[in-house]
N, C-alpha and C. Protein backbone atom coordinates (compact mmCIF):
# COMPACT_ATOMS: atom_id res chain seq x y z
N UNK A 1 -98.42 96.57 -179.29
CA UNK A 1 -98.73 97.58 -178.30
C UNK A 1 -97.68 97.61 -177.19
N UNK A 2 -97.25 96.42 -176.76
CA UNK A 2 -96.27 96.36 -175.69
C UNK A 2 -94.92 96.90 -176.12
N UNK A 3 -94.63 96.78 -177.40
CA UNK A 3 -93.36 97.32 -177.90
C UNK A 3 -93.36 98.85 -177.77
N UNK A 4 -94.49 99.47 -178.04
CA UNK A 4 -94.59 100.93 -177.90
C UNK A 4 -94.38 101.34 -176.44
N UNK A 5 -95.01 100.62 -175.54
CA UNK A 5 -94.87 100.93 -174.11
C UNK A 5 -93.42 100.72 -173.66
N UNK A 6 -92.81 99.63 -174.09
CA UNK A 6 -91.42 99.36 -173.72
C UNK A 6 -90.47 100.41 -174.29
N UNK A 7 -90.72 100.82 -175.53
CA UNK A 7 -89.87 101.83 -176.16
C UNK A 7 -89.98 103.16 -175.43
N UNK A 8 -91.18 103.53 -175.07
CA UNK A 8 -91.37 104.79 -174.32
C UNK A 8 -90.71 104.70 -172.95
N UNK A 9 -90.81 103.55 -172.30
CA UNK A 9 -90.18 103.38 -170.99
C UNK A 9 -88.66 103.50 -171.10
N UNK A 10 -88.08 102.89 -172.12
CA UNK A 10 -86.63 102.97 -172.32
C UNK A 10 -86.22 104.41 -172.63
N UNK A 11 -87.01 105.10 -173.47
CA UNK A 11 -86.70 106.49 -173.81
C UNK A 11 -86.75 107.38 -172.56
N UNK A 12 -87.75 107.16 -171.71
CA UNK A 12 -87.84 107.94 -170.48
C UNK A 12 -86.65 107.66 -169.55
N UNK A 13 -86.20 106.41 -169.51
CA UNK A 13 -85.04 106.06 -168.70
C UNK A 13 -83.78 106.76 -169.23
N UNK A 14 -83.63 106.77 -170.55
CA UNK A 14 -82.49 107.45 -171.16
C UNK A 14 -82.54 108.94 -170.88
N UNK A 15 -83.72 109.53 -170.97
CA UNK A 15 -83.88 110.96 -170.66
C UNK A 15 -83.49 111.24 -169.22
N UNK A 16 -83.95 110.37 -168.30
CA UNK A 16 -83.64 110.55 -166.88
C UNK A 16 -82.14 110.53 -166.62
N UNK A 17 -81.42 109.73 -167.38
CA UNK A 17 -79.97 109.63 -167.19
C UNK A 17 -79.22 110.79 -167.85
N UNK A 18 -79.58 111.15 -169.07
CA UNK A 18 -78.78 112.08 -169.88
C UNK A 18 -79.12 113.56 -169.69
N UNK A 19 -80.39 113.89 -169.57
CA UNK A 19 -80.80 115.30 -169.58
C UNK A 19 -80.24 116.10 -168.40
N UNK A 20 -80.26 115.59 -167.17
CA UNK A 20 -79.70 116.41 -166.08
C UNK A 20 -78.25 116.83 -166.31
N UNK A 21 -77.46 115.93 -166.86
CA UNK A 21 -76.06 116.26 -167.14
C UNK A 21 -75.95 117.35 -168.20
N UNK A 22 -76.75 117.25 -169.24
CA UNK A 22 -76.72 118.26 -170.30
C UNK A 22 -77.20 119.61 -169.78
N UNK A 23 -78.21 119.61 -168.93
CA UNK A 23 -78.71 120.87 -168.37
C UNK A 23 -77.70 121.50 -167.42
N UNK A 24 -77.08 120.66 -166.61
CA UNK A 24 -76.11 121.17 -165.63
C UNK A 24 -74.93 121.84 -166.34
N UNK A 25 -74.52 121.28 -167.47
CA UNK A 25 -73.41 121.85 -168.24
C UNK A 25 -73.88 122.94 -169.19
N UNK A 26 -75.17 123.23 -169.22
CA UNK A 26 -75.79 124.25 -170.07
C UNK A 26 -75.47 124.02 -171.55
N UNK A 27 -75.62 122.79 -171.99
CA UNK A 27 -75.38 122.42 -173.39
C UNK A 27 -76.72 122.39 -174.12
N UNK A 28 -77.19 123.57 -174.49
CA UNK A 28 -78.53 123.68 -175.08
C UNK A 28 -78.60 123.06 -176.48
N UNK A 29 -77.61 123.30 -177.31
CA UNK A 29 -77.63 122.73 -178.66
C UNK A 29 -77.57 121.21 -178.61
N UNK A 30 -76.71 120.69 -177.74
CA UNK A 30 -76.59 119.24 -177.61
C UNK A 30 -77.88 118.64 -177.08
N UNK A 31 -78.56 119.36 -176.19
CA UNK A 31 -79.84 118.89 -175.66
C UNK A 31 -80.89 118.81 -176.77
N UNK A 32 -80.92 119.79 -177.66
CA UNK A 32 -81.86 119.76 -178.79
C UNK A 32 -81.54 118.62 -179.74
N UNK A 33 -80.27 118.41 -180.02
CA UNK A 33 -79.88 117.30 -180.90
C UNK A 33 -80.25 115.97 -180.25
N UNK A 34 -79.96 115.84 -178.97
CA UNK A 34 -80.29 114.62 -178.24
C UNK A 34 -81.79 114.35 -178.28
N UNK A 35 -82.59 115.37 -178.00
CA UNK A 35 -84.04 115.21 -177.98
C UNK A 35 -84.57 114.84 -179.37
N UNK A 36 -84.05 115.50 -180.40
CA UNK A 36 -84.51 115.22 -181.76
C UNK A 36 -84.18 113.79 -182.18
N UNK A 37 -82.95 113.38 -181.94
CA UNK A 37 -82.55 112.02 -182.34
C UNK A 37 -83.26 110.95 -181.52
N UNK A 38 -83.46 111.21 -180.23
CA UNK A 38 -84.18 110.24 -179.40
C UNK A 38 -85.63 110.12 -179.84
N UNK A 39 -86.26 111.25 -180.15
CA UNK A 39 -87.64 111.22 -180.62
C UNK A 39 -87.76 110.51 -181.96
N UNK A 40 -86.85 110.81 -182.87
CA UNK A 40 -86.86 110.16 -184.18
C UNK A 40 -86.62 108.65 -184.05
N UNK A 41 -85.62 108.27 -183.29
CA UNK A 41 -85.32 106.86 -183.11
C UNK A 41 -86.44 106.11 -182.41
N UNK A 42 -87.01 106.72 -181.38
CA UNK A 42 -88.12 106.07 -180.67
C UNK A 42 -89.34 105.93 -181.57
N UNK A 43 -89.61 106.95 -182.36
CA UNK A 43 -90.75 106.88 -183.27
C UNK A 43 -90.59 105.78 -184.30
N UNK A 44 -89.40 105.66 -184.87
CA UNK A 44 -89.15 104.60 -185.86
C UNK A 44 -89.24 103.23 -185.20
N UNK A 45 -88.72 103.10 -183.99
CA UNK A 45 -88.78 101.83 -183.27
C UNK A 45 -90.23 101.43 -183.00
N UNK A 46 -91.05 102.38 -182.60
CA UNK A 46 -92.47 102.09 -182.35
C UNK A 46 -93.16 101.69 -183.64
N UNK A 47 -92.91 102.41 -184.72
CA UNK A 47 -93.52 102.06 -186.01
C UNK A 47 -93.11 100.66 -186.47
N UNK A 48 -91.84 100.33 -186.31
CA UNK A 48 -91.39 99.00 -186.71
C UNK A 48 -92.00 97.93 -185.81
N UNK A 49 -92.14 98.21 -184.54
CA UNK A 49 -92.74 97.25 -183.61
C UNK A 49 -94.20 97.01 -183.88
N UNK A 50 -94.88 98.03 -184.38
CA UNK A 50 -96.31 97.90 -184.70
C UNK A 50 -96.52 97.43 -186.14
N UNK A 51 -95.44 97.11 -186.83
CA UNK A 51 -95.48 96.64 -188.22
C UNK A 51 -96.19 97.65 -189.14
N UNK A 52 -95.94 98.92 -188.89
CA UNK A 52 -96.52 99.96 -189.73
C UNK A 52 -95.81 99.97 -191.08
N UNK A 53 -96.52 100.37 -192.09
CA UNK A 53 -95.97 100.39 -193.44
C UNK A 53 -95.41 101.78 -193.71
N UNK A 54 -94.09 101.91 -193.75
CA UNK A 54 -93.49 103.19 -194.09
C UNK A 54 -92.40 102.96 -195.13
N UNK A 55 -92.14 103.95 -195.96
CA UNK A 55 -91.26 103.75 -197.12
C UNK A 55 -89.81 103.50 -196.72
N UNK A 56 -89.16 102.75 -197.57
CA UNK A 56 -87.74 102.46 -197.38
C UNK A 56 -86.91 103.62 -197.91
N UNK A 57 -85.79 103.93 -197.28
CA UNK A 57 -84.92 104.98 -197.80
C UNK A 57 -84.35 104.65 -199.17
N UNK A 58 -84.32 103.37 -199.53
CA UNK A 58 -83.79 102.98 -200.84
C UNK A 58 -84.60 103.60 -201.98
N UNK A 59 -85.89 103.74 -201.79
CA UNK A 59 -86.74 104.35 -202.82
C UNK A 59 -86.36 105.80 -203.07
N UNK A 60 -86.07 106.52 -202.01
CA UNK A 60 -85.68 107.93 -202.15
C UNK A 60 -84.32 108.04 -202.82
N UNK A 61 -83.41 107.15 -202.47
CA UNK A 61 -82.08 107.18 -203.07
C UNK A 61 -82.16 106.91 -204.56
N UNK A 62 -82.97 105.93 -204.95
CA UNK A 62 -83.15 105.62 -206.37
C UNK A 62 -83.75 106.81 -207.10
N UNK A 63 -84.73 107.47 -206.50
CA UNK A 63 -85.37 108.63 -207.12
C UNK A 63 -84.36 109.75 -207.36
N UNK A 64 -83.44 109.95 -206.45
CA UNK A 64 -82.45 111.03 -206.58
C UNK A 64 -81.37 110.67 -207.60
N UNK A 65 -80.85 109.45 -207.53
CA UNK A 65 -79.68 109.10 -208.34
C UNK A 65 -79.99 108.55 -209.72
N UNK A 66 -81.22 108.12 -209.98
CA UNK A 66 -81.54 107.56 -211.29
C UNK A 66 -81.34 108.58 -212.42
N UNK A 67 -81.83 109.83 -212.29
CA UNK A 67 -81.57 110.80 -213.36
C UNK A 67 -80.07 111.09 -213.56
N UNK A 68 -79.32 111.10 -212.48
CA UNK A 68 -77.88 111.33 -212.59
C UNK A 68 -77.23 110.17 -213.33
N UNK A 69 -77.61 108.96 -212.99
CA UNK A 69 -77.07 107.76 -213.65
C UNK A 69 -77.40 107.78 -215.13
N UNK A 70 -78.65 108.12 -215.46
CA UNK A 70 -79.06 108.15 -216.86
C UNK A 70 -78.33 109.24 -217.64
N UNK A 71 -78.04 110.36 -217.00
CA UNK A 71 -77.30 111.43 -217.66
C UNK A 71 -75.86 111.02 -217.94
N UNK A 72 -75.23 110.39 -216.97
CA UNK A 72 -73.83 110.01 -217.13
C UNK A 72 -73.66 108.86 -218.12
N UNK A 73 -74.48 107.84 -217.99
CA UNK A 73 -74.30 106.64 -218.80
C UNK A 73 -75.21 106.61 -220.03
N UNK A 74 -76.05 107.61 -220.20
CA UNK A 74 -76.86 107.77 -221.41
C UNK A 74 -77.87 106.66 -221.66
N UNK A 75 -78.52 106.20 -220.65
CA UNK A 75 -79.51 105.14 -220.85
C UNK A 75 -80.89 105.68 -220.70
């Protein structure tokens, strides 16, 4: 639970530092990218801190490349 609170506090601190500069320069696309990546990263950090069970990217990679491998090498 404390990891979630700490992660949110750090994210809010980062927002406080970065967002005014992006707004002042009117960088709307960069602000959206920043917000999306910060939200995604914070969410993953909270899930890992709470020991939530979420799938590994390796499973998705295997699912995509296994048919290609079998087609090329004929197994």
